[in-house]
Amino acid sequence: MNSFLKITICKPEQWLIEAGIIIGIDFSELVHEITNEFKNHSIKRHGDPKIHGAATITFADFLQIPNIVKNPDYAIIGAIRKKVLINAYVKIINNITYLYFEDVLKSRRNKAMRGKTLYKVTKPFSFDDFLYNVSKNKKTDISKAWICNLQKNVQTAGGHPGG
């Protein structure tokens, strides 16, 4: 039987705490974390070399997550996907684009930004590529999120994503 395991990655960086304040979310008491279910999902969904080729997720890719959340190139903070508050990040490393999504959990038992999925693309994403990728299927509302191109230090913010 597999038990549910949580691994704390790090506390939120100051830029994320400040972004949260702008849109009415307090990230200061939360931590970034991943779970064994997250790892299993990412490998199962994005880890087959026959399907994904050079974009295949491996266990070594999980080591990039601290860098992705601390120093992303692009970020969408406080979007809503299927009624769940999420953060999305892009980090381009050696011309590979890593996309990392996390659910924001703020209940009595769970106070975390928990990894949802990780995948990569074998070319550098532009800021517009990232926005399109996150919102293309109309399941993710970014209208009230804090959206930032940290490569150029350009940002926009909507209202409170929680309603």
N, C-alpha and C. Protein backbone atom coordinates (compact mmCIF):
# COMPACT_ATOMS: atom_id res chain seq x y z
N MET A 1 0.84 -1.19 0.00
CA MET A 1 0.00 0.00 0.00
C MET A 1 0.88 1.25 0.00
N ASN A 2 0.57 2.17 -0.91
CA ASN A 2 1.32 3.42 -0.98
C ASN A 2 0.73 4.42 -0.01
N SER A 3 1.56 5.00 0.82
CA SER A 3 1.07 6.04 1.72
C SER A 3 1.30 7.40 1.06
N PHE A 4 0.56 8.38 1.50
CA PHE A 4 0.64 9.73 0.98
C PHE A 4 1.80 10.45 1.66
N LEU A 5 2.78 10.89 0.87
CA LEU A 5 3.96 11.56 1.42
C LEU A 5 4.04 12.97 0.89
N LYS A 6 4.30 13.92 1.79
CA LYS A 6 4.49 15.32 1.42
C LYS A 6 5.94 15.70 1.67
N ILE A 7 6.50 16.48 0.75
CA ILE A 7 7.87 16.96 0.87
C ILE A 7 7.84 18.48 0.73
N THR A 8 8.30 19.19 1.77
CA THR A 8 8.37 20.64 1.71
C THR A 8 9.55 21.03 0.84
N ILE A 9 9.29 21.90 -0.13
CA ILE A 9 10.33 22.39 -1.04
C ILE A 9 11.00 23.63 -0.44
N CYS A 10 10.19 24.65 -0.12
CA CYS A 10 10.72 25.89 0.43
C CYS A 10 9.56 26.80 0.84
N LYS A 11 9.90 27.87 1.53
CA LYS A 11 8.93 28.90 1.85
C LYS A 11 8.81 29.83 0.65
N PRO A 12 7.72 30.60 0.57
CA PRO A 12 7.58 31.51 -0.57
C PRO A 12 8.59 32.65 -0.53
N GLU A 13 9.05 33.04 -1.69
CA GLU A 13 9.95 34.17 -1.82
C GLU A 13 9.18 35.47 -1.58
N GLN A 14 9.89 36.53 -1.30
CA GLN A 14 9.26 37.83 -1.02
C GLN A 14 8.43 38.33 -2.20
N TRP A 15 8.90 38.10 -3.44
CA TRP A 15 8.15 38.56 -4.61
C TRP A 15 6.78 37.91 -4.66
N LEU A 16 6.68 36.64 -4.25
CA LEU A 16 5.40 35.92 -4.27
C LEU A 16 4.48 36.44 -3.16
N ILE A 17 5.03 36.69 -2.00
CA ILE A 17 4.24 37.24 -0.89
C ILE A 17 3.67 38.61 -1.30
N GLU A 18 4.50 39.44 -1.93
CA GLU A 18 4.04 40.76 -2.37
C GLU A 18 2.99 40.67 -3.47
N ALA A 19 3.16 39.72 -4.39
CA ALA A 19 2.16 39.50 -5.45
C ALA A 19 0.83 39.09 -4.82
N GLY A 20 0.90 38.22 -3.83
CA GLY A 20 -0.32 37.79 -3.14
C GLY A 20 -1.04 38.95 -2.48
N ILE A 21 -0.29 39.84 -1.86
CA ILE A 21 -0.90 41.01 -1.21
C ILE A 21 -1.67 41.84 -2.23
N ILE A 22 -1.10 42.02 -3.41
CA ILE A 22 -1.73 42.82 -4.46
C ILE A 22 -3.11 42.26 -4.83
N ILE A 23 -3.24 40.94 -4.87
CA ILE A 23 -4.51 40.33 -5.28
C ILE A 23 -5.32 39.76 -4.11
N GLY A 24 -4.87 40.04 -2.89
CA GLY A 24 -5.65 39.66 -1.71
C GLY A 24 -5.47 38.25 -1.20
N ILE A 25 -4.30 37.68 -1.41
CA ILE A 25 -4.00 36.32 -0.93
C ILE A 25 -2.76 36.38 -0.05
N ASP A 26 -2.83 35.78 1.14
CA ASP A 26 -1.69 35.75 2.04
C ASP A 26 -0.92 34.44 1.86
N PHE A 27 0.21 34.52 1.20
CA PHE A 27 1.07 33.35 0.99
C PHE A 27 2.11 33.18 2.09
N SER A 28 2.21 34.13 3.00
CA SER A 28 3.31 34.14 3.97
C SER A 28 3.33 32.94 4.90
N GLU A 29 2.19 32.34 5.17
CA GLU A 29 2.12 31.19 6.09
C GLU A 29 2.14 29.85 5.35
N LEU A 30 2.26 29.89 4.04
CA LEU A 30 2.24 28.67 3.25
C LEU A 30 3.65 28.23 2.89
N VAL A 31 3.78 26.99 2.43
CA VAL A 31 5.04 26.47 1.92
C VAL A 31 4.78 25.83 0.56
N HIS A 32 5.81 25.80 -0.28
CA HIS A 32 5.74 25.03 -1.52
C HIS A 32 6.00 23.58 -1.12
N GLU A 33 5.19 22.67 -1.63
CA GLU A 33 5.42 21.25 -1.34
C GLU A 33 5.03 20.40 -2.55
N ILE A 34 5.60 19.22 -2.59
CA ILE A 34 5.21 18.23 -3.58
C ILE A 34 4.86 16.95 -2.83
N THR A 35 4.19 16.07 -3.52
CA THR A 35 3.79 14.79 -2.92
C THR A 35 4.23 13.64 -3.82
N ASN A 36 4.19 12.45 -3.27
CA ASN A 36 4.48 11.29 -4.09
C ASN A 36 3.44 11.15 -5.20
N GLU A 37 2.18 11.55 -4.94
CA GLU A 37 1.15 11.50 -5.98
C GLU A 37 1.47 12.46 -7.12
N PHE A 38 2.00 13.64 -6.80
CA PHE A 38 2.42 14.60 -7.82
C PHE A 38 3.52 14.00 -8.69
N LYS A 39 4.52 13.42 -8.05
CA LYS A 39 5.62 12.81 -8.81
C LYS A 39 5.09 11.70 -9.71
N ASN A 40 4.25 10.83 -9.15
CA ASN A 40 3.70 9.73 -9.93
C ASN A 40 2.88 10.24 -11.11
N HIS A 41 2.05 11.27 -10.88
CA HIS A 41 1.25 11.84 -11.95
C HIS A 41 2.14 12.41 -13.06
N SER A 42 3.13 13.19 -12.66
CA SER A 42 4.00 13.84 -13.65
C SER A 42 4.75 12.81 -14.50
N ILE A 43 5.25 11.77 -13.86
CA ILE A 43 5.97 10.72 -14.59
C ILE A 43 5.00 9.93 -15.48
N LYS A 44 3.83 9.59 -14.93
CA LYS A 44 2.87 8.80 -15.70
C LYS A 44 2.35 9.59 -16.90
N ARG A 45 2.06 10.86 -16.72
CA ARG A 45 1.44 11.68 -17.76
C ARG A 45 2.47 12.26 -18.73
N HIS A 46 3.68 12.55 -18.27
CA HIS A 46 4.66 13.26 -19.09
C HIS A 46 6.03 12.57 -19.14
N GLY A 47 6.09 11.31 -18.72
CA GLY A 47 7.38 10.65 -18.57
C GLY A 47 7.66 9.49 -19.51
N ASP A 48 6.90 9.37 -20.61
CA ASP A 48 7.14 8.28 -21.54
C ASP A 48 8.01 8.76 -22.69
N PRO A 49 9.27 8.29 -22.79
CA PRO A 49 10.17 8.76 -23.84
C PRO A 49 9.66 8.46 -25.26
N LYS A 50 8.84 7.43 -25.41
CA LYS A 50 8.29 7.10 -26.73
C LYS A 50 7.30 8.16 -27.20
N ILE A 51 6.63 8.80 -26.25
CA ILE A 51 5.64 9.84 -26.58
C ILE A 51 6.26 11.22 -26.52
N HIS A 52 7.06 11.49 -25.49
CA HIS A 52 7.53 12.84 -25.22
C HIS A 52 8.95 13.14 -25.69
N GLY A 53 9.68 12.13 -26.10
CA GLY A 53 11.03 12.35 -26.63
C GLY A 53 11.89 13.14 -25.67
N ALA A 54 12.50 14.22 -26.16
CA ALA A 54 13.40 15.04 -25.34
C ALA A 54 12.66 15.79 -24.24
N ALA A 55 11.33 15.86 -24.33
CA ALA A 55 10.54 16.57 -23.32
C ALA A 55 10.07 15.63 -22.20
N THR A 56 10.59 14.43 -22.16
CA THR A 56 10.20 13.46 -21.14
C THR A 56 10.60 13.93 -19.74
N ILE A 57 9.65 13.90 -18.82
CA ILE A 57 9.94 14.22 -17.41
C ILE A 57 10.62 13.02 -16.76
N THR A 58 11.71 13.30 -16.07
CA THR A 58 12.42 12.27 -15.32
C THR A 58 12.47 12.70 -13.85
N PHE A 59 12.87 11.80 -12.99
CA PHE A 59 12.97 12.15 -11.57
C PHE A 59 13.98 13.27 -11.35
N ALA A 60 14.99 13.38 -12.19
CA ALA A 60 15.97 14.47 -12.07
C ALA A 60 15.32 15.84 -12.28
N ASP A 61 14.27 15.89 -13.08
CA ASP A 61 13.59 17.18 -13.34
C ASP A 61 12.95 17.75 -12.08
N PHE A 62 12.57 16.92 -11.14
CA PHE A 62 11.96 17.42 -9.90
C PHE A 62 12.95 18.28 -9.10
N LEU A 63 14.23 18.09 -9.34
CA LEU A 63 15.24 18.89 -8.66
C LEU A 63 15.22 20.35 -9.12
N GLN A 64 14.57 20.62 -10.24
CA GLN A 64 14.46 21.99 -10.75
C GLN A 64 13.38 22.81 -10.05
N ILE A 65 12.47 22.16 -9.34
CA ILE A 65 11.32 22.86 -8.77
C ILE A 65 11.71 24.01 -7.84
N PRO A 66 12.66 23.85 -6.92
CA PRO A 66 13.02 25.02 -6.09
C PRO A 66 13.43 26.23 -6.93
N ASN A 67 14.21 26.02 -7.96
CA ASN A 67 14.63 27.11 -8.83
C ASN A 67 13.43 27.70 -9.59
N ILE A 68 12.52 26.85 -10.03
CA ILE A 68 11.34 27.32 -10.77
C ILE A 68 10.50 28.24 -9.90
N VAL A 69 10.22 27.86 -8.66
CA VAL A 69 9.34 28.68 -7.81
C VAL A 69 10.04 29.88 -7.19
N LYS A 70 11.34 29.81 -7.02
CA LYS A 70 12.06 30.94 -6.45
C LYS A 70 12.39 32.00 -7.49
N ASN A 71 12.74 31.57 -8.71
CA ASN A 71 13.21 32.48 -9.75
C ASN A 71 12.57 32.18 -11.10
N PRO A 72 11.25 32.22 -11.20
CA PRO A 72 10.63 31.91 -12.50
C PRO A 72 10.90 33.01 -13.52
N ASP A 73 10.82 32.64 -14.78
CA ASP A 73 10.89 33.65 -15.84
C ASP A 73 9.52 34.31 -16.01
N TYR A 74 8.45 33.51 -15.86
CA TYR A 74 7.09 34.01 -15.95
C TYR A 74 6.27 33.36 -14.84
N ALA A 75 5.24 34.06 -14.39
CA ALA A 75 4.37 33.49 -13.34
C ALA A 75 2.95 34.02 -13.49
N ILE A 76 2.00 33.16 -13.20
CA ILE A 76 0.60 33.54 -13.06
C ILE A 76 0.20 33.10 -11.66
N ILE A 77 -0.10 34.08 -10.83
CA ILE A 77 -0.36 33.82 -9.41
C ILE A 77 -1.83 34.12 -9.11
N GLY A 78 -2.51 33.13 -8.55
CA GLY A 78 -3.90 33.34 -8.16
C GLY A 78 -4.90 33.15 -9.28
N ALA A 79 -4.60 32.29 -10.26
CA ALA A 79 -5.58 31.96 -11.29
C ALA A 79 -6.59 30.96 -10.70
N ILE A 80 -7.69 30.78 -11.38
CA ILE A 80 -8.70 29.81 -10.96
C ILE A 80 -8.83 28.76 -12.05
N ARG A 81 -8.61 27.50 -11.68
CA ARG A 81 -8.77 26.38 -12.62
C ARG A 81 -9.74 25.39 -12.02
N LYS A 82 -10.86 25.22 -12.67
CA LYS A 82 -11.91 24.31 -12.18
C LYS A 82 -12.24 24.61 -10.72
N LYS A 83 -12.43 25.87 -10.41
CA LYS A 83 -12.79 26.35 -9.07
C LYS A 83 -11.69 26.20 -8.02
N VAL A 84 -10.47 25.89 -8.45
CA VAL A 84 -9.33 25.73 -7.54
C VAL A 84 -8.35 26.87 -7.80
N LEU A 85 -7.87 27.50 -6.72
CA LEU A 85 -6.87 28.55 -6.81
C LEU A 85 -5.53 27.91 -7.16
N ILE A 86 -4.86 28.42 -8.20
CA ILE A 86 -3.59 27.84 -8.64
C ILE A 86 -2.55 28.92 -8.90
N ASN A 87 -1.30 28.50 -8.91
CA ASN A 87 -0.18 29.29 -9.38
C ASN A 87 0.48 28.50 -10.51
N ALA A 88 0.96 29.22 -11.52
CA ALA A 88 1.66 28.57 -12.64
C ALA A 88 2.97 29.31 -12.87
N TYR A 89 4.02 28.57 -13.16
CA TYR A 89 5.36 29.13 -13.33
C TYR A 89 6.03 28.57 -14.57
N VAL A 90 6.89 29.37 -15.17
CA VAL A 90 7.76 28.92 -16.25
C VAL A 90 9.19 29.28 -15.89
N LYS A 91 10.07 28.34 -16.13
CA LYS A 91 11.51 28.59 -16.01
C LYS A 91 12.18 27.97 -17.23
N ILE A 92 12.97 28.77 -17.92
CA ILE A 92 13.68 28.29 -19.10
C ILE A 92 15.12 28.00 -18.70
N ILE A 93 15.51 26.74 -18.86
CA ILE A 93 16.84 26.28 -18.47
C ILE A 93 17.44 25.54 -19.67
N ASN A 94 18.56 26.05 -20.17
CA ASN A 94 19.23 25.43 -21.32
C ASN A 94 18.28 25.21 -22.51
N ASN A 95 17.48 26.22 -22.82
CA ASN A 95 16.52 26.20 -23.93
C ASN A 95 15.39 25.18 -23.75
N ILE A 96 15.21 24.68 -22.55
CA ILE A 96 14.08 23.82 -22.22
C ILE A 96 13.14 24.63 -21.33
N THR A 97 11.85 24.63 -21.65
CA THR A 97 10.87 25.36 -20.86
C THR A 97 10.21 24.39 -19.88
N TYR A 98 10.35 24.67 -18.59
CA TYR A 98 9.68 23.90 -17.55
C TYR A 98 8.41 24.64 -17.16
N LEU A 99 7.29 23.93 -17.15
CA LEU A 99 6.02 24.48 -16.69
C LEU A 99 5.61 23.74 -15.43
N TYR A 100 5.39 24.48 -14.37
CA TYR A 100 5.07 23.90 -13.07
C TYR A 100 3.79 24.56 -12.56
N PHE A 101 2.84 23.74 -12.17
CA PHE A 101 1.56 24.20 -11.65
C PHE A 101 1.37 23.69 -10.23
N GLU A 102 0.82 24.55 -9.38
CA GLU A 102 0.54 24.13 -8.00
C GLU A 102 -0.83 24.63 -7.58
N ASP A 103 -1.51 23.83 -6.75
CA ASP A 103 -2.77 24.22 -6.13
C ASP A 103 -2.45 24.97 -4.84
N VAL A 104 -3.22 26.03 -4.57
CA VAL A 104 -3.06 26.78 -3.34
C VAL A 104 -4.08 26.23 -2.34
N LEU A 105 -3.57 25.65 -1.25
CA LEU A 105 -4.42 25.02 -0.24
C LEU A 105 -4.35 25.84 1.05
N LYS A 106 -5.52 26.32 1.47
CA LYS A 106 -5.55 27.18 2.67
C LYS A 106 -6.64 26.71 3.62
N SER A 107 -6.63 25.44 3.95
CA SER A 107 -7.61 24.91 4.89
C SER A 107 -6.96 24.77 6.26
N ARG A 108 -7.74 24.32 7.21
CA ARG A 108 -7.20 24.12 8.56
C ARG A 108 -6.10 23.07 8.56
N ARG A 109 -6.25 22.03 7.73
CA ARG A 109 -5.29 20.92 7.71
C ARG A 109 -4.16 21.09 6.69
N ASN A 110 -4.43 21.83 5.64
CA ASN A 110 -3.44 21.99 4.57
C ASN A 110 -3.18 23.47 4.32
N LYS A 111 -1.96 23.87 4.55
CA LYS A 111 -1.53 25.24 4.29
C LYS A 111 -0.29 25.15 3.41
N ALA A 112 -0.56 25.01 2.11
CA ALA A 112 0.56 24.78 1.20
C ALA A 112 0.21 25.18 -0.22
N MET A 113 1.25 25.37 -0.99
CA MET A 113 1.14 25.47 -2.43
C MET A 113 1.69 24.14 -2.94
N ARG A 114 0.77 23.26 -3.27
CA ARG A 114 1.12 21.86 -3.54
C ARG A 114 1.22 21.59 -5.04
N GLY A 115 2.34 20.99 -5.44
CA GLY A 115 2.57 20.66 -6.84
C GLY A 115 1.43 19.87 -7.44
N LYS A 116 0.99 20.29 -8.62
CA LYS A 116 -0.09 19.62 -9.34
C LYS A 116 0.45 18.87 -10.55
N THR A 117 1.27 19.55 -11.35
CA THR A 117 1.91 18.89 -12.48
C THR A 117 3.16 19.65 -12.91
N LEU A 118 4.04 18.92 -13.55
CA LEU A 118 5.29 19.46 -14.10
C LEU A 118 5.47 18.85 -15.48
N TYR A 119 5.72 19.70 -16.45
CA TYR A 119 6.09 19.18 -17.76
C TYR A 119 7.05 20.15 -18.43
N LYS A 120 7.60 19.74 -19.55
CA LYS A 120 8.56 20.60 -20.21
C LYS A 120 8.34 20.57 -21.72
N VAL A 121 8.84 21.63 -22.35
CA VAL A 121 8.75 21.80 -23.79
C VAL A 121 10.18 22.04 -24.28
N THR A 122 10.52 21.48 -25.42
CA THR A 122 11.92 21.50 -25.88
C THR A 122 12.27 22.76 -26.67
N LYS A 123 11.64 23.87 -26.32
CA LYS A 123 12.01 25.17 -26.89
C LYS A 123 11.72 26.23 -25.84
N PRO A 124 12.40 27.35 -25.92
CA PRO A 124 12.10 28.42 -24.98
C PRO A 124 10.72 29.02 -25.27
N PHE A 125 9.90 29.15 -24.25
CA PHE A 125 8.58 29.77 -24.38
C PHE A 125 8.73 31.28 -24.31
N SER A 126 7.96 31.97 -25.10
CA SER A 126 7.81 33.41 -24.93
C SER A 126 6.74 33.62 -23.85
N PHE A 127 6.63 34.85 -23.39
CA PHE A 127 5.60 35.18 -22.41
C PHE A 127 4.22 34.89 -22.99
N ASP A 128 4.01 35.24 -24.25
CA ASP A 128 2.71 34.98 -24.90
C ASP A 128 2.43 33.48 -25.02
N ASP A 129 3.47 32.68 -25.29
CA ASP A 129 3.30 31.22 -25.33
C ASP A 129 2.78 30.71 -23.99
N PHE A 130 3.35 31.23 -22.91
CA PHE A 130 2.95 30.82 -21.56
C PHE A 130 1.49 31.20 -21.30
N LEU A 131 1.12 32.44 -21.58
CA LEU A 131 -0.27 32.86 -21.36
C LEU A 131 -1.23 32.01 -22.17
N TYR A 132 -0.89 31.74 -23.42
CA TYR A 132 -1.74 30.91 -24.26
C TYR A 132 -1.85 29.50 -23.69
N ASN A 133 -0.72 28.92 -23.29
CA ASN A 133 -0.70 27.55 -22.78
C ASN A 133 -1.58 27.40 -21.55
N VAL A 134 -1.54 28.37 -20.65
CA VAL A 134 -2.31 28.27 -19.40
C VAL A 134 -3.80 28.49 -19.64
N SER A 135 -4.15 29.37 -20.57
CA SER A 135 -5.56 29.74 -20.71
C SER A 135 -6.24 29.19 -21.97
N LYS A 136 -5.55 28.40 -22.77
CA LYS A 136 -6.08 27.97 -24.07
C LYS A 136 -7.35 27.14 -24.02
N ASN A 137 -7.51 26.35 -23.01
CA ASN A 137 -8.66 25.44 -22.97
C ASN A 137 -9.86 26.02 -22.22
N LYS A 138 -9.78 27.27 -21.84
CA LYS A 138 -10.87 27.98 -21.16
C LYS A 138 -11.23 27.39 -19.79
N LYS A 139 -10.40 26.49 -19.26
CA LYS A 139 -10.64 25.93 -17.93
C LYS A 139 -9.97 26.78 -16.85
N THR A 140 -9.06 27.67 -17.25
CA THR A 140 -8.32 28.47 -16.30
C THR A 140 -8.64 29.95 -16.51
N ASP A 141 -9.13 30.58 -15.44
CA ASP A 141 -9.46 32.01 -15.47
C ASP A 141 -8.27 32.79 -14.91
N ILE A 142 -7.63 33.57 -15.76
CA ILE A 142 -6.49 34.37 -15.33
C ILE A 142 -6.85 35.85 -15.21
N SER A 143 -8.14 36.18 -15.34
CA SER A 143 -8.56 37.58 -15.40
C SER A 143 -8.29 38.34 -14.10
N LYS A 144 -8.25 37.66 -12.97
CA LYS A 144 -8.02 38.33 -11.69
C LYS A 144 -6.67 37.96 -11.07
N ALA A 145 -5.85 37.28 -11.84
CA ALA A 145 -4.56 36.82 -11.33
C ALA A 145 -3.49 37.90 -11.47
N TRP A 146 -2.40 37.72 -10.72
CA TRP A 146 -1.20 38.54 -10.87
C TRP A 146 -0.36 37.83 -11.91
N ILE A 147 -0.06 38.52 -13.00
CA ILE A 147 0.65 37.93 -14.13
C ILE A 147 1.95 38.69 -14.30
N CYS A 148 3.05 37.96 -14.37
CA CYS A 148 4.34 38.64 -14.38
C CYS A 148 5.31 38.01 -15.36
N ASN A 149 5.96 38.88 -16.12
CA ASN A 149 7.09 38.50 -16.95
C ASN A 149 8.32 38.95 -16.18
N LEU A 150 8.89 38.07 -15.39
CA LEU A 150 10.01 38.43 -14.53
C LEU A 150 11.29 38.63 -15.32
N GLN A 151 11.33 38.17 -16.57
CA GLN A 151 12.49 38.44 -17.42
C GLN A 151 12.59 39.94 -17.70
N LYS A 152 11.41 40.58 -17.83
CA LYS A 152 11.37 42.00 -18.16
C LYS A 152 10.84 42.86 -17.01
N ASN A 153 10.51 42.20 -15.88
CA ASN A 153 9.95 42.89 -14.72
C ASN A 153 8.68 43.68 -15.09
N VAL A 154 7.79 43.03 -15.86
CA VAL A 154 6.51 43.59 -16.25
C VAL A 154 5.43 42.78 -15.57
N GLN A 155 4.44 43.46 -14.99
CA GLN A 155 3.40 42.74 -14.27
C GLN A 155 2.05 43.40 -14.43
N THR A 156 1.01 42.60 -14.29
CA THR A 156 -0.36 43.08 -14.25
C THR A 156 -1.05 42.36 -13.11
N ALA A 157 -2.09 42.94 -12.59
CA ALA A 157 -2.83 42.28 -11.51
C ALA A 157 -4.30 42.54 -11.69
N GLY A 158 -5.08 41.50 -11.42
CA GLY A 158 -6.52 41.63 -11.43
C GLY A 158 -7.01 41.87 -10.03
N GLY A 159 -8.27 41.52 -9.80
CA GLY A 159 -8.85 41.67 -8.47
C GLY A 159 -8.58 40.45 -7.63
N HIS A 160 -9.35 40.28 -6.58
CA HIS A 160 -9.19 39.14 -5.67
C HIS A 160 -9.70 37.88 -6.34
N PRO A 161 -8.83 36.88 -6.61
CA PRO A 161 -9.26 35.68 -7.30
C PRO A 161 -10.20 34.81 -6.50
N GLY A 162 -10.23 35.01 -5.21
CA GLY A 162 -11.13 34.19 -4.40
C GLY A 162 -12.57 34.65 -4.44
N GLY A 163 -12.86 35.75 -5.13
CA GLY A 163 -14.25 36.17 -5.29
C GLY A 163 -14.56 37.49 -4.67
